């Protein structure tokens, strides 16, 4: 009789997503504080989403042997990826085309959660969306990289949800 062992993909996916999420925020902070790349409200909101994804992924990875909790973490990560991808697409297609994005949805969320007060080095908004659109990394706007990362995390999470 053949007994299959549980897949390691969910755990590895959660660990990889956690590390990559925190690394993405780290890259954004280096770009901001070392190279003068100023974040707009949508940039800052995406940082927050990456930190949430990283936290839930790390917690999911830590609950080894508890398939239900791991699956819940993967579903939360997948849901947050959808929110992050939506924010990145909106920033790229709409917000970056306007001269100002002050008091838009992202700005209101950041202000309501008092993120700028809690951790200004990470969440301080210092540019409008049109200014932020001018910054590039390897030829692509930062929000495109962010969106690709959210999409990749979503695909990996969706694959891991189906594994036992």
C-alpha atoms as a PDB file:
ATOM      1  CA  UNK A   1       0.000   0.000   0.000  1.00  0.00           C
ATOM      2  CA  UNK A   2       1.333   3.428  -0.993  1.00  0.00           C
ATOM      3  CA  UNK A   3       1.077   6.157   1.631  1.00  0.00           C
ATOM      4  CA  UNK A   4       1.778   9.642   0.390  1.00  0.00           C
ATOM      5  CA  UNK A   5       3.557  12.088   2.600  1.00  0.00           C
ATOM      6  CA  UNK A   6       2.143  15.557   3.087  1.00  0.00           C
ATOM      7  CA  UNK A   7       3.287  18.195   0.649  1.00  0.00           C
ATOM      8  CA  UNK A   8       5.921  20.617   1.837  1.00  0.00           C
ATOM      9  CA  UNK A   9       4.678  23.266  -0.599  1.00  0.00           C
ATOM     10  CA  UNK A  10       2.302  25.087   1.782  1.00  0.00           C
ATOM     11  CA  UNK A  11       5.003  25.581   4.402  1.00  0.00           C
ATOM     12  CA  UNK A  12       7.689  26.513   1.902  1.00  0.00           C
ATOM     13  CA  UNK A  13       5.295  28.868   0.108  1.00  0.00           C
ATOM     14  CA  UNK A  14       4.409  30.622   3.354  1.00  0.00           C
ATOM     15  CA  UNK A  15       8.052  30.998   4.356  1.00  0.00           C
ATOM     16  CA  UNK A  16       9.049  32.247   0.907  1.00  0.00           C
ATOM     17  CA  UNK A  17       6.190  34.740   0.796  1.00  0.00           C
ATOM     18  CA  UNK A  18       7.041  36.021   4.276  1.00  0.00           C
ATOM     19  CA  UNK A  19      10.719  36.541   3.440  1.00  0.00           C
ATOM     20  CA  UNK A  20       9.961  38.129   0.052  1.00  0.00           C
ATOM     21  CA  UNK A  21       7.295  40.425   1.542  1.00  0.00           C
ATOM     22  CA  UNK A  22       9.621  41.766   4.190  1.00  0.00           C
ATOM     23  CA  UNK A  23      12.418  42.048   1.600  1.00  0.00           C
ATOM     24  CA  UNK A  24      10.119  44.077  -0.680  1.00  0.00           C
ATOM     25  CA  UNK A  25       9.499  46.571   2.112  1.00  0.00           C
ATOM     26  CA  UNK A  26      13.222  46.602   2.824  1.00  0.00           C
ATOM     27  CA  UNK A  27      13.978  47.445  -0.817  1.00  0.00           C
ATOM     28  CA  UNK A  28      11.379  50.226  -0.705  1.00  0.00           C
ATOM     29  CA  UNK A  29      12.939  51.671   2.445  1.00  0.00           C
ATOM     30  CA  UNK A  30      16.450  51.569   0.995  1.00  0.00           C
ATOM     31  CA  UNK A  31      15.152  53.251  -2.169  1.00  0.00           C
ATOM     32  CA  UNK A  32      13.461  55.912  -0.036  1.00  0.00           C
ATOM     33  CA  UNK A  33      16.085  56.618   2.581  1.00  0.00           C
ATOM     34  CA  UNK A  34      19.258  56.035   0.550  1.00  0.00           C
ATOM     35  CA  UNK A  35      18.216  57.062  -2.963  1.00  0.00           C
ATOM     36  CA  UNK A  36      15.498  59.664  -2.360  1.00  0.00           C
ATOM     37  CA  UNK A  37      12.558  57.732  -3.828  1.00  0.00           C
ATOM     38  CA  UNK A  38       9.572  59.429  -2.176  1.00  0.00           C
ATOM     39  CA  UNK A  39       6.462  57.322  -1.504  1.00  0.00           C
ATOM     40  CA  UNK A  40       2.919  58.388  -2.320  1.00  0.00           C
ATOM     41  CA  UNK A  41      -0.197  57.251  -0.400  1.00  0.00           C
ATOM     42  CA  UNK A  42      -0.652  54.205  -2.663  1.00  0.00           C
ATOM     43  CA  UNK A  43       3.007  53.231  -2.202  1.00  0.00           C
ATOM     44  CA  UNK A  44       2.652  53.447   1.556  1.00  0.00           C
ATOM     45  CA  UNK A  45      -0.594  51.462   1.516  1.00  0.00           C
ATOM     46  CA  UNK A  46       1.109  48.707  -0.471  1.00  0.00           C
ATOM     47  CA  UNK A  47       3.937  48.632   2.083  1.00  0.00           C
ATOM     48  CA  UNK A  48       1.350  48.020   4.771  1.00  0.00           C
ATOM     49  CA  UNK A  49      -0.210  45.221   2.731  1.00  0.00           C
ATOM     50  CA  UNK A  50       3.214  43.625   2.199  1.00  0.00           C
ATOM     51  CA  UNK A  51       3.848  43.758   5.954  1.00  0.00           C
ATOM     52  CA  UNK A  52       0.472  42.137   6.661  1.00  0.00           C
ATOM     53  CA  UNK A  53       1.132  39.451   4.061  1.00  0.00           C
ATOM     54  CA  UNK A  54       4.536  38.813   5.604  1.00  0.00           C
ATOM     55  CA  UNK A  55       3.101  38.608   9.112  1.00  0.00           C
ATOM     56  CA  UNK A  56       0.280  36.199   8.200  1.00  0.00           C
ATOM     57  CA  UNK A  57       2.600  34.090   6.054  1.00  0.00           C
ATOM     58  CA  UNK A  58       5.144  33.874   8.873  1.00  0.00           C
ATOM     59  CA  UNK A  59       2.448  32.929  11.383  1.00  0.00           C
ATOM     60  CA  UNK A  60       1.119  30.318   8.969  1.00  0.00           C
ATOM     61  CA  UNK A  61       4.587  28.872   8.543  1.00  0.00           C
ATOM     62  CA  UNK A  62       5.091  28.744  12.315  1.00  0.00           C
ATOM     63  CA  UNK A  63       1.937  26.640  12.927  1.00  0.00           C
ATOM     64  CA  UNK A  64       3.482  23.455  11.579  1.00  0.00           C
ATOM     65  CA  UNK A  65       1.333  20.375  11.683  1.00  0.00           C
ATOM     66  CA  UNK A  66      -1.901  22.349  11.841  1.00  0.00           C
ATOM     67  CA  UNK A  67      -3.244  22.093   8.309  1.00  0.00           C
ATOM     68  CA  UNK A  68      -6.387  24.151   8.997  1.00  0.00           C
ATOM     69  CA  UNK A  69      -4.449  27.103  10.363  1.00  0.00           C
ATOM     70  CA  UNK A  70      -1.968  26.911   7.503  1.00  0.00           C
ATOM     71  CA  UNK A  71      -4.802  26.898   4.995  1.00  0.00           C
ATOM     72  CA  UNK A  72      -6.382  29.883   6.753  1.00  0.00           C
ATOM     73  CA  UNK A  73      -3.065  31.752   6.561  1.00  0.00           C
ATOM     74  CA  UNK A  74      -2.826  30.962   2.842  1.00  0.00           C
ATOM     75  CA  UNK A  75      -6.368  32.209   2.257  1.00  0.00           C
ATOM     76  CA  UNK A  76      -5.587  35.430   4.161  1.00  0.00           C
ATOM     77  CA  UNK A  77      -2.408  35.887   2.128  1.00  0.00           C
ATOM     78  CA  UNK A  78      -4.338  35.295  -1.095  1.00  0.00           C
ATOM     79  CA  UNK A  79      -6.984  37.846  -0.060  1.00  0.00           C
ATOM     80  CA  UNK A  80      -4.352  40.425   0.860  1.00  0.00           C
ATOM     81  CA  UNK A  81      -2.602  39.793  -2.463  1.00  0.00           C
ATOM     82  CA  UNK A  82      -5.850  40.646  -4.247  1.00  0.00           C
ATOM     83  CA  UNK A  83      -6.040  43.893  -2.272  1.00  0.00           C
ATOM     84  CA  UNK A  84      -2.394  44.689  -2.998  1.00  0.00           C
ATOM     85  CA  UNK A  85      -2.721  43.935  -6.693  1.00  0.00           C
ATOM     86  CA  UNK A  86      -5.813  46.141  -6.856  1.00  0.00           C
ATOM     87  CA  UNK A  87      -3.888  48.969  -5.169  1.00  0.00           C
ATOM     88  CA  UNK A  88      -0.919  48.583  -7.532  1.00  0.00           C
ATOM     89  CA  UNK A  89      -3.122  48.550 -10.637  1.00  0.00           C
ATOM     90  CA  UNK A  90      -5.119  51.546  -9.413  1.00  0.00           C
ATOM     91  CA  UNK A  91      -1.928  53.443  -8.644  1.00  0.00           C
ATOM     92  CA  UNK A  92      -0.507  52.684 -12.087  1.00  0.00           C
ATOM     93  CA  UNK A  93      -3.634  53.243 -14.156  1.00  0.00           C
ATOM     94  CA  UNK A  94      -5.433  56.039 -12.286  1.00  0.00           C
ATOM     95  CA  UNK A  95      -3.589  57.701  -9.416  1.00  0.00           C
ATOM     96  CA  UNK A  96      -0.295  58.168 -11.263  1.00  0.00           C
ATOM     97  CA  UNK A  97      -2.132  60.135 -13.955  1.00  0.00           C
ATOM     98  CA  UNK A  98      -3.360  62.799 -11.527  1.00  0.00           C
ATOM     99  CA  UNK A  99      -1.439  65.765 -10.178  1.00  0.00           C
ATOM    100  CA  UNK A 100      -2.576  64.982  -6.654  1.00  0.00           C
ATOM    101  CA  UNK A 101      -3.868  61.964  -4.792  1.00  0.00           C
ATOM    102  CA  UNK A 102      -4.226  63.663  -1.422  1.00  0.00           C
ATOM    103  CA  UNK A 103      -7.252  62.600   0.562  1.00  0.00           C
ATOM    104  CA  UNK A 104      -7.931  59.720  -1.801  1.00  0.00           C
ATOM    105  CA  UNK A 105      -8.758  56.252  -0.516  1.00  0.00           C
ATOM    106  CA  UNK A 106      -5.149  55.250   0.213  1.00  0.00           C
ATOM    107  CA  UNK A 107      -4.456  58.515   2.028  1.00  0.00           C
ATOM    108  CA  UNK A 108      -7.608  58.126   4.137  1.00  0.00           C
ATOM    109  CA  UNK A 109      -6.738  54.537   5.068  1.00  0.00           C
ATOM    110  CA  UNK A 110      -3.186  55.467   6.089  1.00  0.00           C
ATOM    111  CA  UNK A 111      -4.484  58.414   8.122  1.00  0.00           C
ATOM    112  CA  UNK A 112      -7.340  56.462   9.738  1.00  0.00           C
ATOM    113  CA  UNK A 113      -4.933  53.741  10.875  1.00  0.00           C
ATOM    114  CA  UNK A 114      -2.492  56.434  12.083  1.00  0.00           C
ATOM    115  CA  UNK A 115       0.336  54.609  10.313  1.00  0.00           C
ATOM    116  CA  UNK A 116       2.397  57.769   9.802  1.00  0.00           C
ATOM    117  CA  UNK A 117       2.349  58.375  13.554  1.00  0.00           C
ATOM    118  CA  UNK A 118       3.053  54.754  14.482  1.00  0.00           C
ATOM    119  CA  UNK A 119       6.045  54.233  12.188  1.00  0.00           C
ATOM    120  CA  UNK A 120       6.972  57.360  10.219  1.00  0.00           C
ATOM    121  CA  UNK A 121      10.172  55.914   8.744  1.00  0.00           C
ATOM    122  CA  UNK A 122       8.052  53.321   6.925  1.00  0.00           C
ATOM    123  CA  UNK A 123       4.655  54.965   6.450  1.00  0.00           C
ATOM    124  CA  UNK A 124       5.330  58.698   6.013  1.00  0.00           C
ATOM    125  CA  UNK A 125       3.786  59.933   2.764  1.00  0.00           C
ATOM    126  CA  UNK A 126       6.220  62.350   1.115  1.00  0.00           C
ATOM    127  CA  UNK A 127       5.088  62.543  -2.534  1.00  0.00           C
ATOM    128  CA  UNK A 128       1.965  62.749  -4.610  1.00  0.00           C
ATOM    129  CA  UNK A 129       1.094  59.976  -7.042  1.00  0.00           C
ATOM    130  CA  UNK A 130       2.320  61.806 -10.143  1.00  0.00           C
ATOM    131  CA  UNK A 131       5.732  62.399  -8.529  1.00  0.00           C
ATOM    132  CA  UNK A 132       5.992  58.766  -7.430  1.00  0.00           C
ATOM    133  CA  UNK A 133       5.134  57.595 -10.958  1.00  0.00           C
ATOM    134  CA  UNK A 134       8.387  59.100 -12.226  1.00  0.00           C
ATOM    135  CA  UNK A 135      10.550  56.686 -10.189  1.00  0.00           C
ATOM    136  CA  UNK A 136      11.733  53.548 -11.967  1.00  0.00           C
ATOM    137  CA  UNK A 137      13.544  50.363 -11.011  1.00  0.00           C
ATOM    138  CA  UNK A 138      15.159  48.584 -13.974  1.00  0.00           C
ATOM    139  CA  UNK A 139      12.950  50.604 -16.299  1.00  0.00           C
ATOM    140  CA  UNK A 140       9.598  49.800 -14.667  1.00  0.00           C
ATOM    141  CA  UNK A 141       7.610  51.907 -12.192  1.00  0.00           C
ATOM    142  CA  UNK A 142       7.734  50.635  -8.625  1.00  0.00           C
ATOM    143  CA  UNK A 143       3.999  49.910  -8.595  1.00  0.00           C
ATOM    144  CA  UNK A 144       4.447  47.506 -11.525  1.00  0.00           C
ATOM    145  CA  UNK A 145       7.073  45.584  -9.565  1.00  0.00           C
ATOM    146  CA  UNK A 146       4.754  45.632  -6.577  1.00  0.00           C
ATOM    147  CA  UNK A 147       1.851  44.332  -8.655  1.00  0.00           C
ATOM    148  CA  UNK A 148       3.983  41.550 -10.137  1.00  0.00           C
ATOM    149  CA  UNK A 149       5.048  40.511  -6.663  1.00  0.00           C
ATOM    150  CA  UNK A 150       1.449  40.478  -5.398  1.00  0.00           C
ATOM    151  CA  UNK A 151       0.420  38.405  -8.440  1.00  0.00           C
ATOM    152  CA  UNK A 152       3.279  35.966  -7.881  1.00  0.00           C
ATOM    153  CA  UNK A 153       2.405  35.581  -4.214  1.00  0.00           C
ATOM    154  CA  UNK A 154      -1.233  35.011  -5.146  1.00  0.00           C
ATOM    155  CA  UNK A 155      -0.339  32.297  -7.670  1.00  0.00           C
ATOM    156  CA  UNK A 156       1.962  30.558  -5.198  1.00  0.00           C
ATOM    157  CA  UNK A 157      -0.633  30.773  -2.423  1.00  0.00           C
ATOM    158  CA  UNK A 158      -3.364  29.411  -4.685  1.00  0.00           C
ATOM    159  CA  UNK A 159      -1.141  26.456  -5.643  1.00  0.00           C
ATOM    160  CA  UNK A 160      -0.281  25.800  -1.993  1.00  0.00           C
ATOM    161  CA  UNK A 161      -3.933  25.889  -0.910  1.00  0.00           C
ATOM    162  CA  UNK A 162      -4.625  22.890  -3.117  1.00  0.00           C
ATOM    163  CA  UNK A 163      -1.784  20.790  -1.655  1.00  0.00           C
ATOM    164  CA  UNK A 164      -2.174  18.466   1.298  1.00  0.00           C
END
